[in-house]
Protein backbone atom coordinates (compact mmCIF):
# COMPACT_ATOMS: atom_id res chain seq x y z
CA MET A 1 -65.14 70.26 -4.42
CA GLU A 2 -61.56 69.06 -4.17
CA LEU A 3 -58.72 71.57 -3.99
CA THR A 4 -54.98 70.91 -4.20
CA PHE A 5 -52.23 73.43 -3.49
CA LEU A 6 -49.97 72.83 -6.49
CA VAL A 7 -47.52 75.52 -5.34
CA ASP A 8 -47.12 77.47 -2.14
CA ASN A 9 -44.21 79.22 -0.43
CA SER A 10 -43.66 76.09 1.63
CA SER A 11 -43.92 72.35 1.27
CA ARG A 12 -45.50 70.33 4.04
CA THR A 13 -43.13 68.49 6.35
CA GLY A 14 -42.25 65.01 5.13
CA THR A 15 -43.39 65.56 1.55
CA MET A 16 -41.37 65.79 -1.66
CA PHE A 17 -43.23 68.62 -3.36
CA LEU A 18 -41.55 71.73 -4.71
CA ALA A 19 -42.14 75.11 -3.11
CA GLU A 20 -41.53 78.64 -4.36
CA PRO A 21 -42.69 82.15 -3.37
CA ALA A 22 -45.79 81.84 -5.51
CA LEU A 23 -49.25 80.26 -5.59
CA SER A 24 -51.17 77.82 -7.77
CA MET A 25 -54.18 75.63 -7.00
CA PHE A 26 -56.02 72.87 -8.84
CA ILE A 27 -59.74 72.63 -8.23
CA GLN A 28 -62.24 69.97 -9.28
CA ASP A 29 -65.96 70.55 -8.95
CA GLU A 30 -68.97 69.16 -10.82
CA GLY A 31 -66.76 67.53 -13.44
CA LYS A 32 -64.84 70.76 -14.13
CA ASP A 33 -61.05 71.03 -13.78
CA ILE A 34 -59.84 74.51 -12.89
CA LEU A 35 -56.31 75.87 -12.50
CA PHE A 36 -56.36 78.90 -10.21
CA ASP A 37 -53.11 80.78 -10.87
CA ALA A 38 -49.95 79.21 -12.28
CA GLY A 39 -47.17 80.19 -9.92
CA TYR A 40 -43.82 81.56 -11.02
CA SER A 41 -42.06 78.64 -12.72
CA ASP A 42 -42.70 75.02 -13.73
CA ALA A 43 -43.08 73.93 -10.10
CA PHE A 44 -46.88 73.76 -10.35
CA LEU A 45 -46.62 71.37 -13.30
CA LYS A 46 -44.02 69.12 -11.66
CA ASN A 47 -46.07 68.93 -8.46
CA ALA A 48 -49.22 68.15 -10.45
CA GLN A 49 -47.43 65.27 -12.14
CA ARG A 50 -46.23 63.97 -8.76
CA LYS A 51 -49.84 64.10 -7.53
CA GLY A 52 -51.12 62.34 -10.65
CA ILE A 53 -53.15 65.42 -11.63
CA ASP A 54 -53.96 65.80 -15.32
CA LEU A 55 -53.47 69.40 -16.47
CA LEU A 56 -53.98 68.56 -20.16
CA HIS A 57 -57.76 68.55 -19.83
CA LEU A 58 -58.38 71.74 -17.90
CA ASN A 59 -61.71 73.45 -18.43
CA TRP A 60 -60.60 76.79 -16.99
CA VAL A 61 -57.52 78.77 -16.06
CA ALA A 62 -58.68 81.48 -13.63
CA LEU A 63 -56.31 84.25 -12.52
CA SER A 64 -56.44 86.01 -9.17
CA HIS A 65 -54.43 88.99 -10.47
CA GLY A 66 -51.58 89.81 -12.82
CA HIS A 67 -48.47 89.56 -10.64
CA PHE A 68 -45.48 87.44 -11.70
CA ASP A 69 -45.76 84.94 -8.82
CA HIS A 70 -49.24 83.97 -10.00
CA THR A 71 -48.92 84.20 -13.81
CA TRP A 72 -45.41 83.55 -15.08
CA GLY A 73 -46.08 79.81 -15.02
CA LEU A 74 -48.55 80.34 -17.87
CA ASP A 75 -45.60 80.22 -20.26
CA VAL A 76 -44.88 76.69 -19.00
CA LEU A 77 -48.52 75.68 -19.36
CA ILE A 78 -48.62 76.85 -22.98
CA ARG A 79 -45.43 74.92 -23.75
CA TYR A 80 -46.96 71.84 -22.10
CA TYR A 81 -50.03 72.02 -24.33
CA TYR A 82 -47.93 72.76 -27.41
CA GLU A 83 -45.79 69.69 -26.80
CA ALA A 84 -48.93 67.60 -26.22
CA ALA A 85 -50.33 68.74 -29.56
CA THR A 86 -47.01 68.14 -31.31
CA HIS A 87 -46.78 64.59 -29.99
CA LYS A 88 -50.50 63.93 -30.54
CA MET A 89 -51.18 63.42 -26.85
CA PRO A 90 -54.83 63.69 -25.79
CA HIS A 91 -55.56 67.22 -24.61
CA SER A 92 -58.18 69.96 -24.72
CA TRP A 93 -57.34 73.65 -24.53
CA PRO A 94 -58.89 75.41 -21.52
CA LYS A 95 -60.67 78.73 -21.34
CA MET A 96 -59.16 81.62 -19.41
CA LEU A 97 -61.01 83.83 -16.93
CA ALA A 98 -59.50 87.08 -15.68
CA HIS A 99 -60.15 90.69 -14.74
CA PRO A 100 -59.40 93.14 -17.61
CA LYS A 101 -56.57 94.80 -15.66
CA VAL A 102 -54.69 91.48 -15.29
CA PHE A 103 -52.72 92.16 -18.47
CA ALA A 104 -51.42 95.60 -17.51
CA SER A 105 -47.67 96.16 -17.52
CA ARG A 106 -46.40 96.65 -13.95
CA ASN A 107 -43.10 97.55 -12.36
CA ARG A 108 -41.61 98.30 -8.98
CA LYS A 109 -39.61 101.41 -8.10
CA ASP A 110 -36.43 99.61 -9.17
CA ALA A 111 -38.03 99.22 -12.64
CA LEU A 112 -38.26 95.45 -12.41
CA GLN A 113 -41.26 94.04 -14.26
CA THR A 114 -43.77 92.49 -11.88
CA GLY A 115 -46.70 91.96 -14.22
CA MET A 116 -47.69 89.46 -16.89
CA LEU A 117 -45.05 88.35 -19.38
CA LEU A 118 -47.65 87.55 -22.05
CA ALA A 119 -49.91 90.18 -23.59
CA GLU A 120 -53.65 89.64 -23.87
CA ASP A 121 -53.54 89.10 -27.65
CA LYS A 122 -50.88 86.40 -27.26
CA LEU A 123 -52.93 84.59 -24.63
CA ALA A 124 -56.08 84.96 -26.75
CA SER A 125 -54.35 82.95 -29.47
CA GLN A 126 -53.98 80.08 -27.00
CA PHE A 127 -57.09 80.31 -24.79
CA ALA A 128 -60.72 81.21 -25.29
CA MET A 129 -60.85 84.34 -23.16
CA THR A 130 -63.52 85.49 -20.73
CA ILE A 131 -62.55 88.93 -19.43
CA SER A 132 -64.76 90.19 -16.63
CA SER A 133 -64.68 92.55 -13.68
CA GLU A 134 -68.04 91.07 -12.65
CA PRO A 135 -68.62 87.78 -10.81
CA TYR A 136 -68.65 84.71 -13.03
CA TRP A 137 -69.92 81.27 -11.99
CA LEU A 138 -67.54 78.49 -13.03
CA THR A 139 -69.87 75.79 -11.70
CA GLU A 140 -73.19 75.91 -9.87
CA LYS A 141 -71.32 76.31 -6.57
CA LEU A 142 -67.97 77.90 -7.48
CA VAL A 143 -67.79 81.58 -8.42
CA PHE A 144 -65.06 83.94 -9.59
CA LEU A 145 -65.63 87.06 -7.50
CA GLY A 146 -64.72 89.76 -9.99
CA GLU A 147 -63.52 93.15 -8.80
CA VAL A 148 -63.50 93.43 -5.01
CA GLU A 149 -64.74 96.63 -3.40
CA ARG A 150 -62.82 98.14 -0.48
CA VAL A 151 -65.46 98.24 2.25
CA VAL A 152 -63.47 97.37 5.40
CA ASP A 153 -61.88 100.45 6.95
CA PHE A 154 -58.76 98.70 8.29
CA GLU A 155 -57.91 97.39 4.79
CA PRO A 156 -57.34 100.69 2.96
CA VAL A 157 -56.28 101.08 -0.65
CA ALA A 158 -52.54 100.51 -0.99
CA SER A 159 -50.35 100.75 -4.08
CA ILE A 160 -47.39 98.59 -5.08
CA GLY A 161 -45.25 100.15 -7.80
CA GLU A 162 -46.80 101.47 -10.99
CA ARG A 163 -49.27 100.17 -13.56
CA MET A 164 -49.29 101.32 -17.16
CA GLU A 165 -52.56 102.79 -18.39
CA PRO A 166 -53.32 104.36 -21.79
CA GLY A 167 -52.63 107.81 -20.34
CA GLY A 168 -49.37 106.77 -18.72
CA PRO A 169 -48.21 105.16 -15.45
CA VAL A 170 -50.41 105.30 -12.35
CA PRO A 171 -49.89 104.03 -8.78
CA ASP A 172 -50.88 100.37 -8.89
CA ASN A 173 -53.61 99.60 -6.36
CA ILE A 174 -54.12 96.23 -8.08
CA PRO A 175 -57.81 96.56 -9.05
CA ASP A 176 -57.70 93.11 -10.65
CA ASP A 177 -57.09 91.37 -7.30
CA THR A 178 -59.85 88.81 -6.75
CA GLY A 179 -60.63 85.33 -5.47
CA LEU A 180 -63.09 82.45 -5.65
CA ALA A 181 -65.91 81.33 -3.38
CA TYR A 182 -67.44 77.88 -3.08
CA VAL A 183 -70.88 77.30 -1.62
CA SER A 184 -70.55 74.19 0.55
CA ASP A 185 -73.19 72.55 2.71
CA LYS A 186 -71.48 74.02 5.77
CA GLY A 187 -71.07 77.56 4.47
CA LEU A 188 -68.71 79.45 2.18
CA VAL A 189 -65.19 78.41 1.33
CA VAL A 190 -63.34 81.61 0.38
CA ILE A 191 -60.25 81.10 -1.79
CA ALA A 192 -57.83 84.01 -2.04
CA GLY A 193 -54.89 84.39 -4.39
CA CYS A 194 -52.94 87.19 -2.71
CA ALA A 195 -55.71 89.33 -1.19
CA HIS A 196 -53.96 92.61 -1.99
CA VAL A 197 -57.40 94.15 -1.55
CA GLY A 198 -57.56 92.56 1.91
CA ILE A 199 -58.74 89.13 2.99
CA CYS A 200 -61.68 90.64 4.89
CA ASN A 201 -62.77 92.67 1.85
CA THR A 202 -62.51 89.47 -0.19
CA ILE A 203 -64.74 87.62 2.27
CA GLU A 204 -67.27 90.45 2.24
CA LYS A 205 -67.35 90.25 -1.56
CA ALA A 206 -67.92 86.49 -1.38
CA LYS A 207 -70.86 87.04 0.97
CA LYS A 208 -72.32 89.68 -1.33
CA VAL A 209 -72.00 87.62 -4.50
CA THR A 210 -73.40 84.41 -3.03
CA GLY A 211 -75.92 85.92 -0.63
CA ILE A 212 -74.55 83.66 2.12
CA ASP A 213 -73.18 85.05 5.39
CA GLU A 214 -71.89 81.85 6.99
CA VAL A 215 -68.23 81.20 6.21
CA ASN A 216 -66.77 77.77 6.92
CA THR A 217 -63.20 77.95 5.59
CA VAL A 218 -60.84 80.64 4.35
CA LEU A 219 -57.66 79.75 2.49
CA GLY A 220 -54.93 81.25 0.32
CA GLY A 221 -52.66 84.27 0.49
CA PHE A 222 -53.75 86.96 2.94
CA HIS A 223 -51.09 89.56 2.09
CA LEU A 224 -50.08 89.95 5.71
CA GLN A 225 -46.33 90.56 5.50
CA GLU A 226 -44.83 92.73 8.22
CA ALA A 227 -48.40 93.79 8.96
CA LYS A 228 -48.71 96.49 11.60
CA PRO A 229 -51.00 95.99 14.60
CA GLU A 230 -53.58 98.40 13.21
CA ARG A 231 -54.03 96.00 10.28
CA LEU A 232 -53.27 92.62 11.84
CA ASP A 233 -55.29 92.96 15.04
CA PRO A 234 -58.66 93.85 13.46
CA THR A 235 -58.07 91.27 10.72
CA THR A 236 -57.58 88.60 13.37
CA ASP A 237 -60.68 89.75 15.24
CA TYR A 238 -62.75 89.78 12.03
CA LEU A 239 -61.71 86.23 11.13
CA ALA A 240 -62.21 85.00 14.69
CA ALA A 241 -65.75 86.39 14.70
CA LEU A 242 -66.61 84.19 11.70
CA ASN A 243 -66.28 81.06 13.87
CA LEU A 244 -64.46 79.28 11.08
CA GLU A 245 -63.95 75.56 10.98
CA LYS A 246 -60.60 75.90 9.18
CA LEU A 247 -58.18 78.64 8.20
CA TYR A 248 -55.27 78.00 5.82
CA ALA A 249 -53.10 81.13 5.68
CA CYS A 250 -50.31 80.69 3.15
CA HIS A 251 -48.22 82.31 0.40
CA CYS A 252 -47.96 86.01 1.30
CA THR A 253 -48.72 85.54 5.01
CA ASP A 254 -45.62 85.70 7.19
CA LEU A 255 -44.91 83.73 10.37
CA ALA A 256 -45.77 86.59 12.74
CA ALA A 257 -49.19 86.91 11.11
CA LYS A 258 -49.81 83.16 11.27
CA ILE A 259 -48.93 83.13 14.97
CA ALA A 260 -51.25 86.08 15.63
CA LEU A 261 -54.07 84.42 13.69
CA ALA A 262 -53.53 81.09 15.45
CA ARG A 263 -54.17 82.70 18.84
CA LYS A 264 -57.83 83.20 17.92
CA CYS A 265 -58.50 81.20 14.74
CA PRO A 266 -58.30 77.50 13.71
CA VAL A 267 -55.11 77.87 11.66
CA LEU A 268 -53.95 74.69 9.91
CA GLU A 269 -50.81 74.00 7.90
CA ALA A 270 -51.00 74.59 4.17
CA GLY A 271 -48.28 73.84 1.62
CA SER A 272 -47.51 72.43 -1.81
CA GLY A 273 -49.21 69.10 -2.36
CA LEU A 274 -51.96 69.49 0.24
CA THR A 275 -55.39 68.30 -0.96
CA LEU A 276 -58.61 69.41 0.73
CA GLU A 277 -62.17 68.20 0.18
CA PHE A 278 -65.33 70.23 0.78
């Protein structure tokens, strides 16, 4: 598997890639091209072009959850494919994989919309949709984790704003939050989008789905922003106990959390444009 950070909150030193407070990754495995999240703007597309990555022949667009910093770039992707079709450029429309709650309308206390801009029926007119709260294998070794259970006691359920349900608004505990897992020869590679459900819960789900306990690498957003010691300390201890080879904490992981993790874990620099091979 080859994975490229198309967009992250930062760009690696000495590179010319765009950064924004968002996340998008491009994954290739077994001849399949997968876009995992689409960031906030057109930055993911511009960075892909700078990397020479072809996004006009994607097999899948997989979504980690429905927040704006992971999905609003879908508008740009649709325009890109529309223009390709208009100008008769070679392309093939991808399929979309997402949890059913991804499309829910969301807002913060200040009433700002934080969820998807495009409704499910609009996206269904552009993509062949696979909607699942269950795990779904994208390749023989790469799996979409589906809904992640809260099993770790120091990663309790937390709500951010409200989510619209048929009966009205409810506190949004982001049930659609999920990730990917890749079964490498050295153990699992766990790929998180934002890990609102908790990075440790996400790892436990990856172990459960794959039946593999050994974890080699963890990467993505860990949702450790202004994390209190009662959350950060046991998270650090949990990750340290995995004896990881590599840890790439990015996106929604602040500097204090990265420093705390680096004291016990093999933290490496992530950033827009970084390509990893497993």
